[in-house]
Amino acid sequence: MRVLDWSHFMEGALLDRSVKEGTAMTVGVFDGVHRGHQALIGKIVQRAPGCIPTVITFRQNPKKVLRSGEYRGDIVGLDRKMVIFEALGVELVILIDFSGDFSKLDGRDFIGFLKSRGRLNFLAVGSNFRCGYGLDTGVPEIKKLNPETEVVPPVMEGGIPVSSSRIREAVFSGDLDKAALLLGRKVEIDLAGLSPRPKPGGLFYEARSHYRILPPPGRYTVIFYEFPKSGGMETEVLVEGGGVFIPSLNQADRIEFRKGPASKGRFLKPDLEKAAKP
């Protein structure tokens, strides 16, 4: 999968004569890459091989840039998001560094750039999608600008659209089964790039301060994925103090929740529970 910065995209990186195909694009934050996002991505992947399945997304969630004090954290980090994109069949990701200047871009100009710089053949958007300064451009305007636009209805669960906010609330409340249902996969904490603090018997990862969302404090059964290995092993971890204590001295890439909380009682080994406290 190729990853391209917006600046290089604007310089005409996709206008090279060696790139013969047009693109099938979808645009969004894709926080968590949940089932609703997967429906959008499925539409562009269906257009291959005649079109390059392309996701346009942000290096950082715009809410984190605009209101960092209120932002509650990423469901998954950027690197993990890229892995999921590729597994879904995405061939190209264009990353936007959200800034004050970009936020002032008119939505019509944005769609125009997708067409002129991105060789846009097909665009998939959600029914409530809007873009541009002040969200000035919605689906009716986009369809006029680009007739080859498909409006993808929301994926429903329990009579309510699947959304990143629903997933966050489910994780925060400890309903990991519900969160997994909305995601379409097990809930995980992406620990890639975090520098853990050594504790007796393991490592403590300050997840919340790095904008990773966490379930309520407690002991959880997880699959521990060690960096850089691809396989995982089952263990138990303790969520406490804005972070995760993992009873292993090996660097973690991520943990995937199997069930939990495992218990409201003490950790399996009391000394590990004590070590986990920041």
C-alpha atoms as a PDB file:
ATOM      1  CA  MET A   1       0.000   0.000   0.000  1.00  0.00           C
ATOM      2  CA  ARG A   2       1.304   3.430  -0.942  1.00  0.00           C
ATOM      3  CA  VAL A   3       1.040   6.382   1.456  1.00  0.00           C
ATOM      4  CA  LEU A   4       1.189   9.906   0.058  1.00  0.00           C
ATOM      5  CA  ASP A   5       1.241  13.276   1.824  1.00  0.00           C
ATOM      6  CA  TRP A   6      -1.381  15.824   0.766  1.00  0.00           C
ATOM      7  CA  SER A   7       1.396  18.234  -0.254  1.00  0.00           C
ATOM      8  CA  HIS A   8       2.813  15.693  -2.717  1.00  0.00           C
ATOM      9  CA  PHE A   9      -0.695  14.929  -3.927  1.00  0.00           C
ATOM     10  CA  MET A  10      -1.198  18.636  -4.641  1.00  0.00           C
ATOM     11  CA  GLU A  11       2.104  18.716  -6.517  1.00  0.00           C
ATOM     12  CA  GLY A  12       0.652  16.191  -8.979  1.00  0.00           C
ATOM     13  CA  ALA A  13       2.133  12.924  -7.743  1.00  0.00           C
ATOM     14  CA  LEU A  14      -0.782  10.994  -9.271  1.00  0.00           C
ATOM     15  CA  LEU A  15      -0.502  12.731 -12.640  1.00  0.00           C
ATOM     16  CA  ASP A  16       2.633  10.794 -13.550  1.00  0.00           C
ATOM     17  CA  ARG A  17       2.220   9.029 -16.887  1.00  0.00           C
ATOM     18  CA  SER A  18       3.195   5.732 -15.265  1.00  0.00           C
ATOM     19  CA  VAL A  19      -0.020   5.889 -13.223  1.00  0.00           C
ATOM     20  CA  LYS A  20      -2.578   4.772 -15.786  1.00  0.00           C
ATOM     21  CA  GLU A  21      -5.607   4.084 -13.587  1.00  0.00           C
ATOM     22  CA  GLY A  22      -7.929   6.635 -12.132  1.00  0.00           C
ATOM     23  CA  THR A  23      -8.918   6.513  -8.473  1.00  0.00           C
ATOM     24  CA  ALA A  24     -11.925   5.372  -6.490  1.00  0.00           C
ATOM     25  CA  MET A  25     -11.884   7.489  -3.335  1.00  0.00           C
ATOM     26  CA  THR A  26     -13.499   7.845   0.036  1.00  0.00           C
ATOM     27  CA  VAL A  27     -12.778  10.609   2.545  1.00  0.00           C
ATOM     28  CA  GLY A  28     -12.954  10.798   6.324  1.00  0.00           C
ATOM     29  CA  VAL A  29     -11.287  10.546   9.702  1.00  0.00           C
ATOM     30  CA  PHE A  30     -12.031   6.793   9.890  1.00  0.00           C
ATOM     31  CA  ASP A  31     -11.608   6.756  13.649  1.00  0.00           C
ATOM     32  CA  GLY A  32     -11.530   3.071  14.523  1.00  0.00           C
ATOM     33  CA  VAL A  33     -12.263   1.944  10.937  1.00  0.00           C
ATOM     34  CA  HIS A  34     -15.571   0.544  12.168  1.00  0.00           C
ATOM     35  CA  ARG A  35     -18.287  -1.270  10.217  1.00  0.00           C
ATOM     36  CA  GLY A  36     -19.647   1.950   8.730  1.00  0.00           C
ATOM     37  CA  HIS A  37     -16.194   2.885   7.482  1.00  0.00           C
ATOM     38  CA  GLN A  38     -15.704  -0.626   6.166  1.00  0.00           C
ATOM     39  CA  ALA A  39     -18.867  -0.252   4.061  1.00  0.00           C
ATOM     40  CA  LEU A  40     -17.409   2.880   2.443  1.00  0.00           C
ATOM     41  CA  ILE A  41     -14.064   1.217   1.836  1.00  0.00           C
ATOM     42  CA  GLY A  42     -15.800  -1.824   0.385  1.00  0.00           C
ATOM     43  CA  LYS A  43     -17.370   0.394  -2.287  1.00  0.00           C
ATOM     44  CA  ILE A  44     -14.022   1.717  -3.510  1.00  0.00           C
ATOM     45  CA  VAL A  45     -12.300  -1.668  -3.334  1.00  0.00           C
ATOM     46  CA  GLN A  46     -15.033  -3.053  -5.617  1.00  0.00           C
ATOM     47  CA  ARG A  47     -13.815  -0.623  -8.300  1.00  0.00           C
ATOM     48  CA  ALA A  48     -10.384  -2.286  -8.552  1.00  0.00           C
ATOM     49  CA  PRO A  49      -8.508  -3.129 -10.706  1.00  0.00           C
ATOM     50  CA  GLY A  50      -9.850  -0.442 -13.039  1.00  0.00           C
ATOM     51  CA  CYS A  51      -9.488   2.195 -10.322  1.00  0.00           C
ATOM     52  CA  ILE A  52      -7.023   2.528  -7.464  1.00  0.00           C
ATOM     53  CA  PRO A  53      -8.885   2.169  -4.112  1.00  0.00           C
ATOM     54  CA  THR A  54      -7.864   5.354  -2.304  1.00  0.00           C
ATOM     55  CA  VAL A  55      -8.580   6.634   1.195  1.00  0.00           C
ATOM     56  CA  ILE A  56      -8.091  10.305   2.039  1.00  0.00           C
ATOM     57  CA  THR A  57      -7.729  10.786   5.771  1.00  0.00           C
ATOM     58  CA  PHE A  58      -5.933  12.832   8.416  1.00  0.00           C
ATOM     59  CA  ARG A  59      -2.623  12.319  10.158  1.00  0.00           C
ATOM     60  CA  GLN A  60      -4.323  13.561  13.338  1.00  0.00           C
ATOM     61  CA  ASN A  61      -8.008  13.733  14.133  1.00  0.00           C
ATOM     62  CA  PRO A  62      -9.083  17.351  13.401  1.00  0.00           C
ATOM     63  CA  LYS A  63     -10.886  17.428  16.752  1.00  0.00           C
ATOM     64  CA  LYS A  64      -7.556  16.805  18.462  1.00  0.00           C
ATOM     65  CA  VAL A  65      -6.028  19.775  16.616  1.00  0.00           C
ATOM     66  CA  LEU A  66      -8.955  22.150  17.103  1.00  0.00           C
ATOM     67  CA  ARG A  67      -9.990  21.182  20.666  1.00  0.00           C
ATOM     68  CA  SER A  68      -7.137  19.193  22.168  1.00  0.00           C
ATOM     69  CA  GLY A  69      -8.347  19.781  25.732  1.00  0.00           C
ATOM     70  CA  GLU A  70     -11.722  18.197  24.955  1.00  0.00           C
ATOM     71  CA  TYR A  71     -10.522  15.385  22.708  1.00  0.00           C
ATOM     72  CA  ARG A  72     -11.143  11.989  24.329  1.00  0.00           C
ATOM     73  CA  GLY A  73      -8.614   9.926  22.381  1.00  0.00           C
ATOM     74  CA  ASP A  74      -8.119   7.716  19.327  1.00  0.00           C
ATOM     75  CA  ILE A  75      -9.809   4.346  19.016  1.00  0.00           C
ATOM     76  CA  VAL A  76      -6.693   3.210  17.131  1.00  0.00           C
ATOM     77  CA  GLY A  77      -3.498   5.080  16.255  1.00  0.00           C
ATOM     78  CA  LEU A  78      -2.452   6.043  12.746  1.00  0.00           C
ATOM     79  CA  ASP A  79      -0.033   3.149  12.175  1.00  0.00           C
ATOM     80  CA  ARG A  80      -2.627   0.593  13.192  1.00  0.00           C
ATOM     81  CA  LYS A  81      -5.202   2.321  11.010  1.00  0.00           C
ATOM     82  CA  MET A  82      -2.880   1.890   8.023  1.00  0.00           C
ATOM     83  CA  VAL A  83      -2.593  -1.850   8.698  1.00  0.00           C
ATOM     84  CA  ILE A  84      -6.384  -2.163   8.780  1.00  0.00           C
ATOM     85  CA  PHE A  85      -6.772  -0.151   5.563  1.00  0.00           C
ATOM     86  CA  GLU A  86      -4.364  -2.435   3.752  1.00  0.00           C
ATOM     87  CA  ALA A  87      -6.090  -5.562   5.043  1.00  0.00           C
ATOM     88  CA  LEU A  88      -9.371  -4.212   3.631  1.00  0.00           C
ATOM     89  CA  GLY A  89      -7.854  -3.815   0.164  1.00  0.00           C
ATOM     90  CA  VAL A  90      -6.928  -0.121   0.105  1.00  0.00           C
ATOM     91  CA  GLU A  91      -4.016   0.520  -2.273  1.00  0.00           C
ATOM     92  CA  LEU A  92      -3.374   4.228  -1.676  1.00  0.00           C
ATOM     93  CA  VAL A  93      -3.750   6.491   1.377  1.00  0.00           C
ATOM     94  CA  ILE A  94      -3.443  10.268   1.112  1.00  0.00           C
ATOM     95  CA  LEU A  95      -2.643  11.855   4.485  1.00  0.00           C
ATOM     96  CA  ILE A  96      -3.696  15.380   5.314  1.00  0.00           C
ATOM     97  CA  ASP A  97      -1.868  17.341   8.000  1.00  0.00           C
ATOM     98  CA  PHE A  98      -4.839  19.255   9.334  1.00  0.00           C
ATOM     99  CA  SER A  99      -3.937  22.895   9.868  1.00  0.00           C
ATOM    100  CA  GLY A 100      -5.517  26.310  10.059  1.00  0.00           C
ATOM    101  CA  ASP A 101      -4.876  26.841   6.361  1.00  0.00           C
ATOM    102  CA  PHE A 102      -6.388  23.514   5.323  1.00  0.00           C
ATOM    103  CA  SER A 103      -9.433  24.112   7.524  1.00  0.00           C
ATOM    104  CA  LYS A 104     -10.206  27.228   5.459  1.00  0.00           C
ATOM    105  CA  LEU A 105     -10.298  25.328   2.169  1.00  0.00           C
ATOM    106  CA  ASP A 106     -13.654  25.615   0.420  1.00  0.00           C
ATOM    107  CA  GLY A 107     -15.398  22.258  -0.010  1.00  0.00           C
ATOM    108  CA  ARG A 108     -15.947  22.823  -3.725  1.00  0.00           C
ATOM    109  CA  ASP A 109     -12.240  23.490  -4.165  1.00  0.00           C
ATOM    110  CA  PHE A 110     -11.448  20.322  -2.199  1.00  0.00           C
ATOM    111  CA  ILE A 111     -13.601  18.185  -4.503  1.00  0.00           C
ATOM    112  CA  GLY A 112     -12.072  19.981  -7.467  1.00  0.00           C
ATOM    113  CA  PHE A 113      -8.587  19.009  -6.288  1.00  0.00           C
ATOM    114  CA  LEU A 114      -9.647  15.374  -5.957  1.00  0.00           C
ATOM    115  CA  LYS A 115     -10.729  15.486  -9.595  1.00  0.00           C
ATOM    116  CA  SER A 116      -7.841  17.451 -11.047  1.00  0.00           C
ATOM    117  CA  ARG A 117      -4.951  16.116  -8.944  1.00  0.00           C
ATOM    118  CA  GLY A 118      -6.389  12.723  -8.017  1.00  0.00           C
ATOM    119  CA  ARG A 119      -7.814  11.573 -11.332  1.00  0.00           C
ATOM    120  CA  LEU A 120     -11.041  10.858  -9.531  1.00  0.00           C
ATOM    121  CA  ASN A 121     -13.332   8.372 -11.263  1.00  0.00           C
ATOM    122  CA  PHE A 122     -15.562   7.381  -8.349  1.00  0.00           C
ATOM    123  CA  LEU A 123     -16.291   8.795  -4.904  1.00  0.00           C
ATOM    124  CA  ALA A 124     -18.045   7.032  -2.009  1.00  0.00           C
ATOM    125  CA  VAL A 125     -19.368   9.166   0.859  1.00  0.00           C
ATOM    126  CA  GLY A 126     -21.711   8.705   3.780  1.00  0.00           C
ATOM    127  CA  SER A 127     -25.191  10.227   3.696  1.00  0.00           C
ATOM    128  CA  ASN A 128     -24.242  12.901   6.250  1.00  0.00           C
ATOM    129  CA  PHE A 129     -20.823  13.700   4.755  1.00  0.00           C
ATOM    130  CA  ARG A 130     -19.835  17.357   4.549  1.00  0.00           C
ATOM    131  CA  CYS A 131     -16.501  19.015   3.835  1.00  0.00           C
ATOM    132  CA  GLY A 132     -14.900  22.408   3.475  1.00  0.00           C
ATOM    133  CA  TYR A 133     -14.679  25.551   5.559  1.00  0.00           C
ATOM    134  CA  GLY A 134     -17.624  25.630   7.921  1.00  0.00           C
ATOM    135  CA  LEU A 135     -18.729  22.318   6.387  1.00  0.00           C
ATOM    136  CA  ASP A 136     -20.002  24.353   3.441  1.00  0.00           C
ATOM    137  CA  THR A 137     -20.339  21.461   0.979  1.00  0.00           C
ATOM    138  CA  GLY A 138     -22.696  18.524   1.467  1.00  0.00           C
ATOM    139  CA  VAL A 139     -23.844  15.543  -0.562  1.00  0.00           C
ATOM    140  CA  PRO A 140     -26.141  17.439  -3.009  1.00  0.00           C
ATOM    141  CA  GLU A 141     -23.330  19.822  -3.961  1.00  0.00           C
ATOM    142  CA  ILE A 142     -20.778  17.013  -4.209  1.00  0.00           C
ATOM    143  CA  LYS A 143     -22.990  15.007  -6.564  1.00  0.00           C
ATOM    144  CA  LYS A 144     -23.282  18.025  -8.854  1.00  0.00           C
ATOM    145  CA  LEU A 145     -19.502  18.499  -8.807  1.00  0.00           C
ATOM    146  CA  ASN A 146     -18.799  14.796  -9.309  1.00  0.00           C
ATOM    147  CA  PRO A 147     -21.707  12.810 -10.772  1.00  0.00           C
ATOM    148  CA  GLU A 148     -19.852   9.527 -10.167  1.00  0.00           C
ATOM    149  CA  THR A 149     -20.557   9.768  -6.425  1.00  0.00           C
ATOM    150  CA  GLU A 150     -22.297   7.009  -4.503  1.00  0.00           C
ATOM    151  CA  VAL A 151     -23.989   7.874  -1.232  1.00  0.00           C
ATOM    152  CA  VAL A 152     -23.554   4.907   1.112  1.00  0.00           C
ATOM    153  CA  PRO A 153     -26.271   4.533   3.784  1.00  0.00           C
ATOM    154  CA  PRO A 154     -25.175   4.165   7.401  1.00  0.00           C
ATOM    155  CA  VAL A 155     -24.645   0.716   8.868  1.00  0.00           C
ATOM    156  CA  MET A 156     -27.265   0.253  11.574  1.00  0.00           C
ATOM    157  CA  GLU A 157     -26.977  -1.617  14.847  1.00  0.00           C
ATOM    158  CA  GLY A 158     -29.839  -1.640  17.313  1.00  0.00           C
ATOM    159  CA  GLY A 159     -31.719   0.839  15.141  1.00  0.00           C
ATOM    160  CA  ILE A 160     -28.921   3.422  15.479  1.00  0.00           C
ATOM    161  CA  PRO A 161     -26.079   4.135  13.036  1.00  0.00           C
ATOM    162  CA  VAL A 162     -22.689   2.677  13.913  1.00  0.00           C
ATOM    163  CA  SER A 163     -20.402   5.539  14.899  1.00  0.00           C
ATOM    164  CA  SER A 164     -17.063   6.252  16.517  1.00  0.00           C
ATOM    165  CA  SER A 165     -18.800   8.070  19.381  1.00  0.00           C
ATOM    166  CA  ARG A 166     -20.900   4.972  20.173  1.00  0.00           C
ATOM    167  CA  ILE A 167     -17.751   2.855  20.229  1.00  0.00           C
ATOM    168  CA  ARG A 168     -16.007   5.284  22.577  1.00  0.00           C
ATOM    169  CA  GLU A 169     -18.928   5.293  24.986  1.00  0.00           C
ATOM    170  CA  ALA A 170     -19.079   1.489  24.939  1.00  0.00           C
ATOM    171  CA  VAL A 171     -15.351   1.216  25.709  1.00  0.00           C
ATOM    172  CA  PHE A 172     -15.506   3.856  28.442  1.00  0.00           C
ATOM    173  CA  SER A 173     -18.440   2.035  30.066  1.00  0.00           C
ATOM    174  CA  GLY A 174     -16.657  -1.333  29.860  1.00  0.00           C
ATOM    175  CA  ASP A 175     -19.108  -2.874  27.371  1.00  0.00           C
ATOM    176  CA  LEU A 176     -16.383  -4.344  25.170  1.00  0.00           C
ATOM    177  CA  ASP A 177     -18.752  -6.823  23.541  1.00  0.00           C
ATOM    178  CA  LYS A 178     -20.887  -3.953  22.249  1.00  0.00           C
ATOM    179  CA  ALA A 179     -17.816  -2.019  21.116  1.00  0.00           C
ATOM    180  CA  ALA A 180     -16.540  -5.098  19.274  1.00  0.00           C
ATOM    181  CA  LEU A 181     -19.922  -5.536  17.586  1.00  0.00           C
ATOM    182  CA  LEU A 182     -19.798  -1.943  16.329  1.00  0.00           C
ATOM    183  CA  LEU A 183     -16.170  -2.218  15.246  1.00  0.00           C
ATOM    184  CA  GLY A 184     -16.551  -5.544  13.493  1.00  0.00           C
ATOM    185  CA  ARG A 185     -13.518  -6.892  15.351  1.00  0.00           C
ATOM    186  CA  LYS A 186     -12.176  -7.157  18.898  1.00  0.00           C
ATOM    187  CA  VAL A 187     -11.426  -3.993  20.858  1.00  0.00           C
ATOM    188  CA  GLU A 188      -7.723  -3.222  21.072  1.00  0.00           C
ATOM    189  CA  ILE A 189      -5.332  -0.676  22.528  1.00  0.00           C
ATOM    190  CA  ASP A 190      -2.704   0.423  20.068  1.00  0.00           C
ATOM    191  CA  LEU A 191       0.562   0.790  22.015  1.00  0.00           C
ATOM    192  CA  ALA A 192       2.894   1.267  19.048  1.00  0.00           C
ATOM    193  CA  GLY A 193       5.269   4.171  19.573  1.00  0.00           C
ATOM    194  CA  LEU A 194       4.610   4.492  23.319  1.00  0.00           C
ATOM    195  CA  SER A 195       7.599   4.400  25.666  1.00  0.00           C
ATOM    196  CA  PRO A 196       6.675   2.168  28.613  1.00  0.00           C
ATOM    197  CA  ARG A 197       7.800   2.715  32.185  1.00  0.00           C
ATOM    198  CA  PRO A 198       9.539  -0.313  33.748  1.00  0.00           C
ATOM    199  CA  LYS A 199       7.841  -1.758  36.800  1.00  0.00           C
ATOM    200  CA  PRO A 200       8.673  -4.924  38.756  1.00  0.00           C
ATOM    201  CA  GLY A 201       7.530  -7.825  36.627  1.00  0.00           C
ATOM    202  CA  GLY A 202       6.480  -5.840  33.584  1.00  0.00           C
ATOM    203  CA  LEU A 203       5.934  -2.535  31.819  1.00  0.00           C
ATOM    204  CA  PHE A 204       3.427   0.279  32.334  1.00  0.00           C
ATOM    205  CA  TYR A 205       2.152   2.150  29.265  1.00  0.00           C
ATOM    206  CA  GLU A 206       0.836   5.682  29.724  1.00  0.00           C
ATOM    207  CA  ALA A 207      -1.933   5.276  27.167  1.00  0.00           C
ATOM    208  CA  ARG A 208      -4.393   8.040  28.029  1.00  0.00           C
ATOM    209  CA  SER A 209      -1.800  10.801  27.875  1.00  0.00           C
ATOM    210  CA  HIS A 210      -1.024   9.643  24.328  1.00  0.00           C
ATOM    211  CA  TYR A 211      -4.677   9.908  23.292  1.00  0.00           C
ATOM    212  CA  ARG A 212      -5.498   6.196  23.486  1.00  0.00           C
ATOM    213  CA  ILE A 213      -8.931   5.391  24.868  1.00  0.00           C
ATOM    214  CA  LEU A 214      -9.175   2.928  27.760  1.00  0.00           C
ATOM    215  CA  PRO A 215     -11.902   0.794  29.340  1.00  0.00           C
ATOM    216  CA  PRO A 216     -12.625   1.181  33.080  1.00  0.00           C
ATOM    217  CA  PRO A 217      -9.928   0.143  35.563  1.00  0.00           C
ATOM    218  CA  GLY A 218      -9.715  -3.589  36.057  1.00  0.00           C
ATOM    219  CA  ARG A 219      -8.062  -6.846  35.120  1.00  0.00           C
ATOM    220  CA  TYR A 220      -8.618  -7.993  31.537  1.00  0.00           C
ATOM    221  CA  THR A 221      -7.816 -11.073  29.497  1.00  0.00           C
ATOM    222  CA  VAL A 222      -6.060  -9.994  26.301  1.00  0.00           C
ATOM    223  CA  ILE A 223      -3.959 -11.176  23.417  1.00  0.00           C
ATOM    224  CA  PHE A 224      -0.577  -9.492  23.742  1.00  0.00           C
ATOM    225  CA  TYR A 225       1.159  -8.668  20.454  1.00  0.00           C
ATOM    226  CA  GLU A 226       4.868  -8.158  20.892  1.00  0.00           C
ATOM    227  CA  PHE A 227       6.736  -5.715  18.652  1.00  0.00           C
ATOM    228  CA  PRO A 228       7.857  -6.541  15.963  1.00  0.00           C
ATOM    229  CA  LYS A 229       6.476 -10.102  16.017  1.00  0.00           C
ATOM    230  CA  SER A 230       3.146 -10.802  14.313  1.00  0.00           C
ATOM    231  CA  GLY A 231       1.851 -13.600  16.555  1.00  0.00           C
ATOM    232  CA  GLY A 232       0.131 -12.990  19.881  1.00  0.00           C
ATOM    233  CA  MET A 233      -0.183 -14.743  23.212  1.00  0.00           C
ATOM    234  CA  GLU A 234      -2.900 -14.690  25.847  1.00  0.00           C
ATOM    235  CA  THR A 235      -2.193 -12.948  29.132  1.00  0.00           C
ATOM    236  CA  GLU A 236      -3.881 -10.698  31.660  1.00  0.00           C
ATOM    237  CA  VAL A 237      -3.275  -6.989  32.020  1.00  0.00           C
ATOM    238  CA  LEU A 238      -4.291  -4.337  34.496  1.00  0.00           C
ATOM    239  CA  VAL A 239      -5.879  -1.090  33.341  1.00  0.00           C
ATOM    240  CA  GLU A 240      -5.275   1.549  35.977  1.00  0.00           C
ATOM    241  CA  GLY A 241      -4.041   5.104  36.420  1.00  0.00           C
ATOM    242  CA  GLY A 242      -4.543   6.156  32.812  1.00  0.00           C
ATOM    243  CA  GLY A 243      -2.499   3.293  31.446  1.00  0.00           C
ATOM    244  CA  VAL A 244      -1.992  -0.424  31.043  1.00  0.00           C
ATOM    245  CA  PHE A 245       0.328  -2.663  33.013  1.00  0.00           C
ATOM    246  CA  ILE A 246       1.505  -5.702  31.026  1.00  0.00           C
ATOM    247  CA  PRO A 247       3.370  -8.454  32.914  1.00  0.00           C
ATOM    248  CA  SER A 248       6.070  -8.742  30.262  1.00  0.00           C
ATOM    249  CA  LEU A 249       9.369  -6.967  29.733  1.00  0.00           C
ATOM    250  CA  ASN A 250       9.003  -7.251  25.951  1.00  0.00           C
ATOM    251  CA  GLN A 251       7.819  -4.172  24.056  1.00  0.00           C
ATOM    252  CA  ALA A 252       4.122  -4.348  23.180  1.00  0.00           C
ATOM    253  CA  ASP A 253       2.740  -3.405  19.787  1.00  0.00           C
ATOM    254  CA  ARG A 254      -0.897  -3.706  20.871  1.00  0.00           C
ATOM    255  CA  ILE A 255      -3.256  -5.682  23.065  1.00  0.00           C
ATOM    256  CA  GLU A 256      -6.557  -7.150  21.923  1.00  0.00           C
ATOM    257  CA  PHE A 257      -9.276  -7.690  24.519  1.00  0.00           C
ATOM    258  CA  ARG A 258     -10.712 -11.188  24.686  1.00  0.00           C
ATOM    259  CA  LYS A 259     -13.158 -10.580  27.507  1.00  0.00           C
ATOM    260  CA  GLY A 260     -13.335  -8.618  30.661  1.00  0.00           C
ATOM    261  CA  PRO A 261     -13.030  -7.230  33.091  1.00  0.00           C
ATOM    262  CA  ALA A 262     -11.804 -10.608  34.294  1.00  0.00           C
ATOM    263  CA  SER A 263     -12.455  -9.778  37.916  1.00  0.00           C
ATOM    264  CA  LYS A 264     -13.286  -6.950  40.270  1.00  0.00           C
ATOM    265  CA  GLY A 265     -10.901  -8.518  42.749  1.00  0.00           C
ATOM    266  CA  ARG A 266      -7.158  -8.322  42.905  1.00  0.00           C
ATOM    267  CA  PHE A 267      -4.753  -9.093  40.105  1.00  0.00           C
ATOM    268  CA  LEU A 268      -3.574 -12.682  39.810  1.00  0.00           C
ATOM    269  CA  LYS A 269      -0.320 -11.744  41.502  1.00  0.00           C
ATOM    270  CA  PRO A 270      -0.647  -8.999  44.115  1.00  0.00           C
ATOM    271  CA  ASP A 271       2.935  -7.822  43.558  1.00  0.00           C
ATOM    272  CA  LEU A 272       2.121  -7.133  39.887  1.00  0.00           C
ATOM    273  CA  GLU A 273      -0.956  -5.164  40.862  1.00  0.00           C
ATOM    274  CA  LYS A 274       1.137  -3.026  43.175  1.00  0.00           C
ATOM    275  CA  ALA A 275       3.751  -2.553  40.461  1.00  0.00           C
ATOM    276  CA  ALA A 276       1.148  -1.317  38.014  1.00  0.00           C
ATOM    277  CA  LYS A 277       0.240   1.743  40.095  1.00  0.00           C
ATOM    278  CA  PRO A 278       1.827   4.884  38.602  1.00  0.00           C
END
